[in-house]
C-alpha cells in the first residue's frame, strides 16, 4: 500500500454510500474502507482525519461495512479519545440491535477500548448480555469480563458480575460454558486474591462436554481441569478415564492438554497399576506426534522429557529407536531427541544406541557433536555394562584428533575414571598424545586431574604436569586451582621428582597471583607441608565420593510446575512459568486433604491473601584419591626429600626463624594478615 495516500483521496469513496443513484455505492464504500484499514498497518496517521466520516457510517445496516468501521474505531480510539467517545452512543445502541452478530460486535468493541467512559458502559452492558437469548452474545460477554478485569476489578467484584460469569457454567450451550471457564482461568491467574476451584460434579460435567466442543474449547476445558483437586483416588481415576479418548485427537493442542491433565491426576491416584496403565497410554500419542512438522515435534518432545522425568517406564527399551535423529531434523529437535535417548538408554538397548551416538559425534554441527560425546560418557557412568564399549568409543573419537572431540572426550573420560577407578588405566598414555591444541579450560582441568590422581601410574607424570605449568600464570582460575592441587598430589606420590615443582607452584600462587581463592589455597598447602606429612596425605589423597549417573534434571517443585504447563510456552524452555513470565502466578499440586471442597459457583467468596548430568564439578579442584593407592613414604631417600622440602619451605617461602611449631603458626598468621591487608 502506497504511504502517499491521503485522507482527502478516500473521503469521496465513503460519501458514495449516500449516493443512491450509483448502483455500486455499497461496493465502492467497502473497497474504500478496506484501503483505509490497509493504511492503518502503515505509519500513516493521516487516516485519523476520517474519524467523523466513519462515525457517520455507524447507522448503516450493511454488516460488512459495520465491521470495518468498528475495526477502525478500535485501532484509532487511543489516538483520538474524544472522537471515540462520540461513537460510544452508537455502540451502546448497537448492543440492543435485533441481530445477535451486531450485538456481539458492539459489546466486543466497548470492552476492548481502554477508555474510562467505555469501561463504565461495559459494566452496565455486560450483565444484560449474560441473559441474552443468543449464545454468541453470552460468549462475548464472558470474554468481555476478562478484558476489562484489569481496569475495573473492584467494580466487577462489587457488582456481582463474577456470579453472573459463574452462572454461565450451567449454560445449555457448550461453547458458552467453555468460554466462561477460559475467562475465569484468565482472571484468577492474573489476580493474587482469587483461587479457582472445581468440585467433582462440575469437573465431570466439563469432561463430558469435551466430545461436543471444537479444538479451541476442548483446550479451555482441559486447562480448567488442572484446577480440580480430587478428594479421593476413585474420583481422580474416574475423570482420567473419561479424558483418555482425547489422546487420540488429531489436534496436537488437545493431545498435549489431555496428557497434562492425566499426568496431573495421577498425583492423586494411589493404585500403581492404574497409574502405570494411564502413563503407558500417554506415551503412544506422543510418539505419533513425531511425524508432525518440526515445531510440533519439539513441543511433543519437551512434553516427553517432562513425562519421562516423572515416570521413566512410559516407554519400552525398544522405543528409544523412535527418537533417533533424522538427517533433516533441525538442531533444536536433534538436541532434545539426544537428551531423551540418553535418558532411555539401559542395559537392554545400549548396543543399538552407542553406534548412533558415535555417528552423531562426527556431525558437522560442532555443538551437537560435543553433546553426543558427552552423552557417551554419561551412558558409561549410568549403565555399567556399557562402560567398556563407551570407553572404547571415546578413545576412538579422541584418536581422530579433532580438537573439539578430543576436548569433550577428555572430560567424559575423566568422569569415567572417577566412576570406575583403576579400571581403564591402560588408556592413560593415549590421552596425552596431543595436549598442545587444548583451549577449553574444562578439558585442561580434566587432564590435569587425571595426572594428579594417577601420578603413581604415569611414569612421565611430572613432564606432563610441567607442560601445563608452563602457562600457569596465564591460565584461568579454575585451571590454576587444578594445577595447584595436581602438583600437590604429584609431590605426595613422587617427592623426589616433584619437589621443585611444588615449591615453584606455591610461590606463584601466593606471590604472583592476585585471586584470593588461589592465594588462600596456596597458603593452605604451604602450611600443610610444614606440618605432619601423614596428615597431609589423609587430607589431599582421601577417598573421593562415588559419582552416579542420574537422569534427574529438575527439582520436585520445578517438575510440578512443568507438569501443570505441558504444551505451554514455559514448558518449551523447560523452566517454570515464573522464570519465563515474571508476573505469572505460581501454582502447586494441591493436597486433597487440605483443599476447600466448595463449588466453583462460590468463586467470589474464595479469596486468598498470599501473593546431561555433570559429575566433574568437584573433581577438578577437589582433594582425594583411591584409598588403596595412598603412597607410603618409607625409604630413607623419600623421607629425606620430604624433610628437605620442609626446610626449603620454612626458609625460603615462610621466612621462619625457628622450626618450632608455635613459631611456625605465629609467623604464618602474620603472613596471612599481611596478605589480607594487601588484598584490602
Foldseek 3Di string as FASTA:
>chain_A
DDLPDALVVLVVLLVLCVVPVDPCSVVSVLVSLVVLVVNLVPPRCRSVVCLVSLLVCLVPPDVSSNLSSLVVLLSCCVVPVVSNVVSLVSLLVQLVDPDPVSVLSSLLSLLQRPDPVSLVVNLVSLVVQLPDPDLSSNLSSLQSCLSCCVVPVPVCLVVCVLLSLLVQCPPPDLSSNLSSLLSVVSNPFQDQWFAFEAFLVSLVVLLVCLVVDPPVSLLSSLLSLLRYFDLALVSLLVSLVSLLVQCPDPDLSSNLSNQLNNVLSVVRHPDPVSNLVSLLSNVVSLLVQCVPPLVSVLLSLLSVLLSCLVPVVNDDLVCLVSLQDDPPHDPSSVVSSLLVSLSSDEPVNVVVVLVSLLVQLPDPPLVSNLVSLLSLLLSCQAYVVCVVVSLVSLLVQCVVVPASSLQSSLQSVLLNCLQPPPPPVVCLVSNPPDPPSDDDLSSLLSNLLVLLQVVLPDPCSLVSLVVLCVCLVVDDPLNLLLSLLSLVSNCQNPVVSSLVVNVVSLCCQQPVDQDPVSNVVSLVVLLVLLDDSVVVLCAQAAADDNDHQDSNDDDPQLSQQLSSQRVHPCSSVSGHPCVVPVSGFDDGSDDSVPDDNDHSSCRSVRTDDDGSDRDCPCSSNHGHYDPVPRDDQDDPVSVVSSVVSSVCSCVPPQNQPDSDPVSSVVSSVVVVVVSVVVSD
